[in-house]
Amino acid sequence: MDGLARLAEAPELAAILLDVDGTLAPIVPRPQDAFVPEETRAELRRLARRYGLVACVSGRMGAEAARIVGVPELRYVGEHGLELDLEAPRWHDRLHAFADAVDWPVERKRLSVSFHWRTAPDPAEAELALQRVAERAAAEGLHPRFGRMVLEIRPPVATDKGTAVRHLLREAGLRRALYAGDDATDLDAFRGLDGLEVAVRIAISSVEGPSELGTAADLVLAGPAALLELLRRL
């Protein structure tokens, strides 16, 4: 496509921005077991030498995303951009107090908490139970959001992957970018590319992902392996 060619013809003027889980790292039953394949890491190292910016914008904490990706040359922003928000830390105690009151295994992060149900014996029943948890969170003034078999509870601040994308591009002084992601929060990142000189939005498709992601994308790929092949062209 023309957008990819324009990125590759002047890489010093462009950014490659990537989600981690389900995009670079295949989805696994337990989040702690996720990893980025070594061949993908090698490609990311090459891109980091070539492009103006290569960054990962993840729902995980930035340090955890960096561990999973395993390429220190990249820039990492975690918790859907909350790590860039000065207001978000003020909600830490309320978020974790809420998690303490929920009878469900919780993934605790500094600025958000997550409840997964991928390994639940009855996924439909588990999702219904977490719908009720989401309602409780909203009633307490928190921000619940569902993703691929996960409920995330965040502070009620105006920060998301889109604001993180805009921050990174503004900081680097770049007006051309590609973003690839696989879940509902990546729709925010897609919107973060609005108004650029060159913008390429890539959806990594799955039966669990939102249909809106493919509709909003310029290109839809079948999974992390297909994304790796595309990255090799840049």
Protein backbone atom coordinates (compact mmCIF):
# COMPACT_ATOMS: atom_id res chain seq x y z
CA MET A 1 0.00 0.00 0.00
CA ASP A 2 1.12 3.58 -0.63
CA GLY A 3 1.33 4.52 3.06
CA LEU A 4 3.82 1.76 3.80
CA ALA A 5 5.96 2.81 0.84
CA ARG A 6 5.98 6.41 2.06
CA LEU A 7 7.08 5.33 5.53
CA ALA A 8 9.88 3.18 4.14
CA GLU A 9 11.17 5.80 1.70
CA ALA A 10 12.05 8.23 4.52
CA PRO A 11 12.21 6.17 7.73
CA GLU A 12 14.00 8.90 9.69
CA LEU A 13 10.79 10.94 9.43
CA ALA A 14 8.50 8.16 10.66
CA ALA A 15 7.48 6.21 13.75
CA ILE A 16 6.59 2.54 14.14
CA LEU A 17 4.21 2.18 17.11
CA LEU A 18 3.13 -1.25 18.30
CA ASP A 19 0.92 -2.95 20.84
CA VAL A 20 2.52 -5.96 22.57
CA ASP A 21 0.12 -8.75 23.57
CA GLY A 22 -1.66 -10.22 20.56
CA THR A 23 0.36 -8.02 18.21
CA LEU A 24 4.05 -8.72 18.79
CA ALA A 25 3.57 -11.51 21.34
CA PRO A 26 1.11 -14.34 20.65
CA ILE A 27 -1.75 -14.59 23.14
CA VAL A 28 -1.12 -17.26 25.79
CA PRO A 29 -3.39 -18.67 28.53
CA ARG A 30 -1.44 -16.97 31.35
CA PRO A 31 -0.31 -13.33 30.84
CA GLN A 32 2.96 -13.95 32.69
CA ASP A 33 3.98 -16.51 30.04
CA ALA A 34 3.81 -14.11 27.07
CA PHE A 35 6.93 -13.58 24.98
CA VAL A 36 8.02 -12.04 21.69
CA PRO A 37 9.75 -14.54 19.37
CA GLU A 38 13.46 -13.98 18.76
CA GLU A 39 12.96 -13.44 15.01
CA THR A 40 10.56 -10.59 15.81
CA ARG A 41 13.05 -9.13 18.27
CA ALA A 42 15.73 -9.14 15.60
CA GLU A 43 13.42 -7.26 13.25
CA LEU A 44 12.59 -4.68 15.93
CA ARG A 45 16.30 -4.06 16.50
CA ARG A 46 16.74 -3.43 12.78
CA LEU A 47 13.78 -1.04 12.70
CA ALA A 48 15.09 0.84 15.76
CA ARG A 49 18.30 1.61 13.85
CA ARG A 50 16.38 2.73 10.77
CA TYR A 51 13.31 4.71 11.94
CA GLY A 52 12.95 7.99 13.79
CA LEU A 53 11.07 6.21 16.58
CA VAL A 54 10.06 2.63 17.35
CA ALA A 55 7.89 2.32 20.45
CA CYS A 56 5.56 -0.09 22.20
CA VAL A 57 2.33 1.22 23.73
CA SER A 58 0.99 -1.51 25.98
CA GLY A 59 -1.65 -2.22 28.58
CA ARG A 60 1.07 -3.76 30.71
CA MET A 61 3.39 -1.70 32.84
CA GLY A 62 6.16 -0.27 30.69
CA ALA A 63 8.89 -2.23 32.46
CA GLU A 64 6.95 -5.47 32.01
CA ALA A 65 6.35 -4.73 28.32
CA ALA A 66 10.08 -4.09 27.92
CA ARG A 67 10.85 -7.45 29.54
CA ILE A 68 8.48 -9.33 27.25
CA VAL A 69 9.63 -7.60 24.07
CA GLY A 70 13.29 -7.85 25.07
CA VAL A 71 14.59 -5.02 22.89
CA PRO A 72 15.94 -2.19 25.07
CA GLU A 73 16.49 0.06 22.05
CA LEU A 74 12.73 0.75 21.86
CA ARG A 75 10.65 3.30 23.78
CA TYR A 76 7.99 1.79 26.07
CA VAL A 77 4.80 3.40 27.41
CA GLY A 78 2.68 1.25 29.70
CA GLU A 79 -0.81 1.02 31.12
CA HIS A 80 -2.48 2.44 28.01
CA GLY A 81 -0.64 5.73 28.39
CA LEU A 82 -1.41 6.19 32.09
CA GLU A 83 2.32 6.25 32.83
CA LEU A 84 2.42 9.63 31.09
CA ASP A 85 -0.47 11.07 33.14
CA LEU A 86 0.44 13.04 36.27
CA GLU A 87 -3.08 12.67 37.68
CA ALA A 88 -3.29 8.86 37.45
CA PRO A 89 -1.07 8.00 40.47
CA ARG A 90 -3.51 9.78 42.78
CA TRP A 91 -5.99 6.96 42.14
CA HIS A 92 -3.61 4.14 43.13
CA ASP A 93 -5.05 3.50 46.60
CA ARG A 94 -8.68 3.57 45.47
CA LEU A 95 -7.99 1.19 42.59
CA HIS A 96 -6.25 -1.34 44.77
CA ALA A 97 -8.82 -1.06 47.55
CA PHE A 98 -11.46 -1.85 44.93
CA ALA A 99 -9.46 -4.89 43.75
CA ASP A 100 -9.16 -6.10 47.36
CA ALA A 101 -12.95 -6.23 47.58
CA VAL A 102 -13.38 -8.37 44.43
CA ASP A 103 -13.36 -12.14 44.83
CA TRP A 104 -11.36 -12.81 41.66
CA PRO A 105 -7.65 -13.28 40.85
CA VAL A 106 -6.30 -9.84 40.02
CA GLU A 107 -3.36 -8.63 37.97
CA ARG A 108 -2.11 -5.60 39.87
CA LYS A 109 -0.31 -2.81 38.08
CA ARG A 110 0.77 0.53 39.45
CA LEU A 111 -2.02 2.57 37.85
CA SER A 112 -4.68 -0.03 37.01
CA VAL A 113 -5.88 -3.53 37.83
CA SER A 114 -7.01 -6.33 35.50
CA PHE A 115 -9.29 -9.34 35.90
CA HIS A 116 -8.73 -12.11 33.34
CA TRP A 117 -11.06 -14.99 32.49
CA ARG A 118 -9.20 -16.80 29.69
CA THR A 119 -8.58 -19.85 31.90
CA ALA A 120 -12.02 -19.84 33.60
CA PRO A 121 -13.87 -23.21 33.47
CA ASP A 122 -17.02 -21.46 32.19
CA PRO A 123 -16.00 -18.36 30.18
CA ALA A 124 -19.57 -17.16 29.67
CA GLU A 125 -20.35 -17.31 33.39
CA ALA A 126 -17.02 -15.63 34.19
CA GLU A 127 -17.72 -12.77 31.77
CA LEU A 128 -21.15 -12.26 33.31
CA ALA A 129 -19.62 -12.10 36.79
CA LEU A 130 -17.08 -9.53 35.64
CA GLN A 131 -19.83 -7.47 34.02
CA ARG A 132 -21.15 -6.99 37.54
CA VAL A 133 -17.66 -6.06 38.73
CA ALA A 134 -17.49 -3.44 35.95
CA GLU A 135 -20.82 -1.98 37.08
CA ARG A 136 -19.51 -1.71 40.64
CA ALA A 137 -16.33 -0.01 39.45
CA ALA A 138 -18.28 2.55 37.44
CA ALA A 139 -20.54 3.24 40.44
CA GLU A 140 -17.40 4.00 42.49
CA GLY A 141 -16.18 6.51 39.93
CA LEU A 142 -13.58 4.27 38.29
CA HIS A 143 -13.24 3.49 34.59
CA PRO A 144 -13.93 -0.15 33.60
CA ARG A 145 -13.06 -1.35 30.10
CA PHE A 146 -13.27 -4.80 28.54
CA GLY A 147 -10.64 -6.25 26.22
CA ARG A 148 -9.77 -9.72 24.96
CA MET A 149 -11.05 -11.85 27.86
CA VAL A 150 -9.97 -9.21 30.38
CA LEU A 151 -11.67 -6.49 32.39
CA GLU A 152 -9.42 -3.54 33.18
CA ILE A 153 -10.22 -1.01 35.88
CA ARG A 154 -8.48 2.36 35.47
CA PRO A 155 -8.55 5.87 36.91
CA PRO A 156 -11.19 8.19 35.41
CA VAL A 157 -8.66 10.37 33.59
CA ALA A 158 -8.66 11.54 29.96
CA THR A 159 -5.70 9.37 28.99
CA ASP A 160 -5.53 6.40 26.64
CA LYS A 161 -3.37 4.91 23.92
CA GLY A 162 -4.37 7.74 21.61
CA THR A 163 -3.04 10.42 23.93
CA ALA A 164 0.13 8.33 24.38
CA VAL A 165 0.61 8.09 20.60
CA ARG A 166 0.20 11.84 20.19
CA HIS A 167 2.66 12.47 23.04
CA LEU A 168 5.31 10.21 21.50
CA LEU A 169 4.95 11.74 18.04
CA ARG A 170 5.03 15.30 19.37
CA GLU A 171 8.06 14.51 21.52
CA ALA A 172 9.92 13.03 18.52
CA GLY A 173 8.73 15.72 16.09
CA LEU A 174 7.36 13.15 13.64
CA ARG A 175 4.37 13.46 11.28
CA ARG A 176 4.39 9.98 9.76
CA ALA A 177 3.50 6.83 11.68
CA LEU A 178 2.25 3.27 11.64
CA TYR A 179 0.33 1.76 14.54
CA ALA A 180 -0.55 -1.93 14.89
CA GLY A 181 -2.82 -3.44 17.53
CA ASP A 182 -5.38 -6.14 18.19
CA ASP A 183 -7.90 -4.94 20.79
CA ALA A 184 -10.47 -2.29 21.69
CA THR A 185 -7.92 0.04 23.31
CA ASP A 186 -6.02 0.14 20.02
CA LEU A 187 -8.95 2.02 18.48
CA ASP A 188 -7.83 4.93 20.67
CA ALA A 189 -4.32 4.61 19.24
CA PHE A 190 -5.74 4.62 15.70
CA ARG A 191 -7.43 7.94 16.48
CA GLY A 192 -4.12 9.24 17.79
CA LEU A 193 -2.83 9.15 14.19
CA ASP A 194 -5.53 11.53 12.93
CA GLY A 195 -4.16 14.54 11.08
CA LEU A 196 -0.72 13.11 10.31
CA GLU A 197 1.00 13.52 6.97
CA VAL A 198 1.15 9.71 6.63
CA ALA A 199 -0.86 7.36 8.88
CA VAL A 200 -1.08 3.58 8.57
CA ARG A 201 -3.45 1.74 10.91
CA ILE A 202 -3.02 -2.04 11.12
CA ALA A 203 -5.48 -4.37 12.86
CA ILE A 204 -4.37 -7.80 14.03
CA SER A 205 -7.55 -9.83 13.68
CA SER A 206 -8.91 -12.47 16.06
CA VAL A 207 -12.28 -13.94 16.95
CA GLU A 208 -11.98 -12.20 20.34
CA GLY A 209 -11.14 -8.74 19.01
CA PRO A 210 -13.70 -6.02 18.24
CA SER A 211 -15.05 -5.87 14.69
CA GLU A 212 -14.66 -2.08 14.80
CA LEU A 213 -10.89 -2.49 14.76
CA GLY A 214 -10.89 -4.04 11.30
CA THR A 215 -13.33 -1.43 10.03
CA ALA A 216 -11.09 1.41 11.24
CA ALA A 217 -7.87 -0.15 9.92
CA ASP A 218 -6.10 0.47 6.64
CA LEU A 219 -4.85 -3.11 6.66
CA VAL A 220 -5.97 -6.26 8.51
CA LEU A 221 -3.49 -9.03 9.30
CA ALA A 222 -4.11 -12.53 10.60
CA GLY A 223 -1.74 -12.49 13.59
CA PRO A 224 1.71 -11.68 14.97
CA ALA A 225 3.43 -13.82 12.33
CA ALA A 226 1.76 -11.83 9.55
CA LEU A 227 2.81 -8.58 11.23
CA LEU A 228 6.40 -9.80 11.32
CA GLU A 229 6.31 -10.32 7.55
CA LEU A 230 5.01 -6.79 7.07
CA LEU A 231 7.68 -5.31 9.34
CA ARG A 232 10.32 -6.97 7.20
CA ARG A 233 9.15 -4.80 4.29
CA LEU A 234 9.74 -1.53 6.14
